[in-house]
Amino acid sequence: MLKYYLILGLELRAADEEVRRSYLRLVKRYPPERAPEIFAKISEAYEALKDEPSRIQAGLKGSLQAPYPVEELASLPSEAISGREALGLGRLLEWEKAASP
């Protein structure tokens, strides 16, 4: 579930309206015609975080998966705290490229 927050560049305490604004901002930047793969990731993240019931369901499902190497997850707290700067989609895409065989 953490990956959804990273994709949308949100804090874990983000409200429904913040999730919506971030989604709309990213969709404008990565429309499906120009970046279909990125758009699909953004849409998946939005569907998982759009409201409280969705977040609960995604949290239960996500707790059974480990999408990133342990050392990368260990570095997240120090990076996330630095100046309230969101990690964002760019960093997540870098991690996915590095983890791909």
Protein backbone atom coordinates (compact mmCIF):
# COMPACT_ATOMS: atom_id res chain seq x y z
CA MET A 1 0.00 0.00 0.00
CA LEU A 2 2.95 2.31 0.58
CA LYS A 3 3.61 2.31 -3.15
CA TYR A 4 0.24 3.98 -3.78
CA TYR A 5 1.16 6.89 -1.53
CA LEU A 6 4.53 7.14 -3.27
CA ILE A 7 2.97 7.13 -6.72
CA LEU A 8 0.63 9.98 -5.80
CA GLY A 9 3.30 11.78 -3.75
CA LEU A 10 1.17 11.81 -0.60
CA GLU A 11 1.70 11.51 3.12
CA LEU A 12 0.08 8.60 4.91
CA ARG A 13 -2.39 10.97 6.59
CA ALA A 14 -3.62 12.48 3.33
CA ALA A 15 -7.31 13.37 3.22
CA ASP A 16 -9.65 12.33 0.42
CA GLU A 17 -9.44 15.77 -1.21
CA GLU A 18 -5.62 15.71 -1.21
CA VAL A 19 -5.71 12.30 -2.89
CA ARG A 20 -8.08 13.63 -5.54
CA ARG A 21 -5.99 16.76 -6.21
CA SER A 22 -2.79 14.75 -6.54
CA TYR A 23 -4.48 12.29 -8.88
CA LEU A 24 -5.80 15.06 -11.14
CA ARG A 25 -2.43 16.82 -11.19
CA LEU A 26 -0.64 13.61 -12.23
CA VAL A 27 -3.26 12.68 -14.84
CA LYS A 28 -2.76 16.06 -16.49
CA ARG A 29 0.99 15.45 -16.52
CA TYR A 30 0.77 11.80 -17.64
CA PRO A 31 -2.37 11.42 -19.81
CA PRO A 32 -3.22 7.92 -21.08
CA GLU A 33 -2.49 8.89 -24.68
CA ARG A 34 1.13 9.85 -23.94
CA ALA A 35 2.05 7.61 -21.00
CA PRO A 36 -0.36 4.66 -20.75
CA GLU A 37 1.80 2.62 -18.33
CA ILE A 38 2.28 5.49 -15.92
CA PHE A 39 -1.37 6.48 -16.21
CA ALA A 40 -2.36 2.91 -15.27
CA LYS A 41 -0.20 3.09 -12.12
CA ILE A 42 -1.67 6.46 -11.18
CA SER A 43 -5.21 5.16 -11.68
CA GLU A 44 -4.52 2.03 -9.63
CA ALA A 45 -3.12 4.18 -6.81
CA TYR A 46 -6.11 6.50 -6.89
CA GLU A 47 -8.59 3.63 -6.80
CA ALA A 48 -6.80 2.23 -3.75
CA LEU A 49 -6.67 5.53 -1.85
CA LYS A 50 -9.72 7.51 -3.02
CA ASP A 51 -11.73 7.01 0.18
CA GLU A 52 -11.50 5.38 3.61
CA PRO A 53 -13.04 2.00 2.66
CA SER A 54 -10.70 1.74 -0.34
CA ARG A 55 -7.67 2.55 1.83
CA ILE A 56 -8.66 -0.11 4.35
CA GLN A 57 -9.12 -2.71 1.63
CA ALA A 58 -5.81 -1.79 -0.05
CA GLY A 59 -4.06 -1.88 3.32
CA LEU A 60 -5.27 -5.40 3.99
CA LYS A 61 -4.29 -6.56 0.52
CA GLY A 62 -0.97 -4.68 0.53
CA SER A 63 0.14 -6.06 3.87
CA LEU A 64 0.60 -9.44 2.19
CA GLN A 65 2.90 -8.09 -0.54
CA ALA A 66 6.45 -6.72 -0.45
CA PRO A 67 6.96 -4.75 -3.70
CA TYR A 68 10.40 -3.26 -2.91
CA PRO A 69 13.66 -4.56 -1.50
CA VAL A 70 14.04 -4.26 2.26
CA GLU A 71 17.02 -1.86 2.07
CA GLU A 72 15.02 0.60 -0.03
CA LEU A 73 12.08 0.48 2.36
CA ALA A 74 14.44 1.08 5.27
CA SER A 75 15.61 4.35 3.68
CA LEU A 76 12.08 5.74 3.22
CA PRO A 77 11.59 7.31 6.68
CA SER A 78 14.71 9.48 6.43
CA GLU A 79 13.85 10.61 2.91
CA ALA A 80 10.18 11.24 3.64
CA ILE A 81 10.89 13.48 6.62
CA SER A 82 13.36 15.76 4.85
CA GLY A 83 11.51 19.04 4.37
CA ARG A 84 8.03 17.52 3.82
CA GLU A 85 9.18 16.62 0.34
CA ALA A 86 7.08 13.88 -1.25
CA LEU A 87 8.99 10.99 -2.77
CA GLY A 88 6.69 10.85 -5.77
CA LEU A 89 6.26 8.83 -8.91
CA GLY A 90 9.71 9.53 -10.34
CA ARG A 91 11.48 7.87 -7.43
CA LEU A 92 9.11 4.90 -7.52
CA LEU A 93 9.75 4.38 -11.24
CA GLU A 94 13.51 4.46 -10.58
CA TRP A 95 13.11 1.73 -7.94
CA GLU A 96 11.00 -0.42 -10.25
CA LYS A 97 13.60 -0.15 -13.03
CA ALA A 98 16.39 -1.08 -10.63
CA ALA A 99 14.43 -4.06 -9.29
CA SER A 100 13.55 -5.42 -12.75
CA PRO A 101 15.70 -8.33 -13.97
